[in-house]
Amino acid sequence: MLNRSESATFDPSAVAQSANGIFGLPFTTENAGTIVVPVPWEVTTSYGDGTADGPDAIVAASAQVDLYHPDFPDAWKTGIALSDVSTTWHAQSDRWKPIAKQLIDAQIDGIDIAGDSELSTRQSEVNEACSAVHSELERQVDHWVSLGKKVIVLGGDHSVSLGALRSVGRRYPEFGVLQFDAHMDLRSAYEGFTYSHASIMYNALEIPSLTSLVQVGIRDYCEAELAVVTRENPRIHVVTDHQIKDSQFAGVPWQVQCDGIVEKLPTHVYISFDIDALHPSLCPNTGTPVPGGLQLEEAVYLIKRLIRSGRTVVGIDLVEVSPGADEWDANVGARLLYALFGYWQ
């Protein structure tokens, strides 16, 4: 936190100064209670592009976010700061993404990757590159947590969450994941990539201490993913957008629905927020938008009910924000990031 003299001189209502950090706040990683770790990575994205540019866009948009919120008016005083992003991650993403696209295109053309030694080698190399990012992120999360910091991972595509989840899984004998998403992300090695954005929760289920995965806002999934849900029952709880809307139309208050969702989670909870859980009007440039979805206020209200239930948040990620040609997605992402930070304090 800021010392007394620093707190007295900083005006949270003033224009954000370029010399300050995220949200225009004058914190460093030394005196901030929460560290944001940007991971500009999108190697295995299979439709829209741009999530690797999401962290920078959100940081830029954060300067326009007013710091007062009636539910957490003084949250900013606990401090939030951006860690030094790995200088290689974006460059490595740019290097491997065209190669991954070549492999995806080959499959679309009916080529058997396993039967082509060169393509098979390339596929293994892409998987190894993704694995290296997860290992480095896990190390970084461990480092900041060891210093008493809270950590928010800022993607990048959804695959980057695995490093943070593994870190949490080693620190807690039991934890749950509250996943906001339009997709289940339960595909096994989607398009041949072990660490695909569409396989993040399939991979997360390999963490033994992850005892409950609660997916909210789901509206696009396949039979293979449903088979995983059936196999892992009752470890996975799926709350589809269809179910949410049906309940709303039948007059079930959102608070009641939220409390039912929260009841499925254990004491320690990791929040994984894929921006495409929201209605596409709020994230039109995200990689795989799907009609339907939550309004921002609905998602934030669920987070509020989670916190007020007495459960302990042990980590957060916000992923799949793609800035596109304007600043709208980043604007929404920055405000969502501040809400996630604020309710966690």
Foldseek 3Di string as FASTA:
>chain_A
DDDPVVVVPDDLPDQQDPVDWALSDNDDLVQAQEEEAEQLAAQQQDFFDFQSVLVVLLSVLSSVDRQADVVFRPLCVNDYHYDDYDPCRNVVRVVRNVLNVVLLVCVVVVHDQVVDVVSVVSLVVSLVVLVVLLCVVLVVCVVSVVVNHAYEYEDDAQLNCNSVLLNVLVVDQAWEEEEQDQEPLCDQCPSVHRSHSSNNVVVSVVSNRHQAYEYALHDDYDPVSVVVPVVNPPRYHYHHLVNVVVCVVVPNDLVVVLVVSLVRTDQEYEYEYEPLQAACVQQVRFSDHDHGHHHLVSVLVSVLVNLVVNGAYRHYYYGRRGCPPHSRSSNSVNVSVSSVSRSND
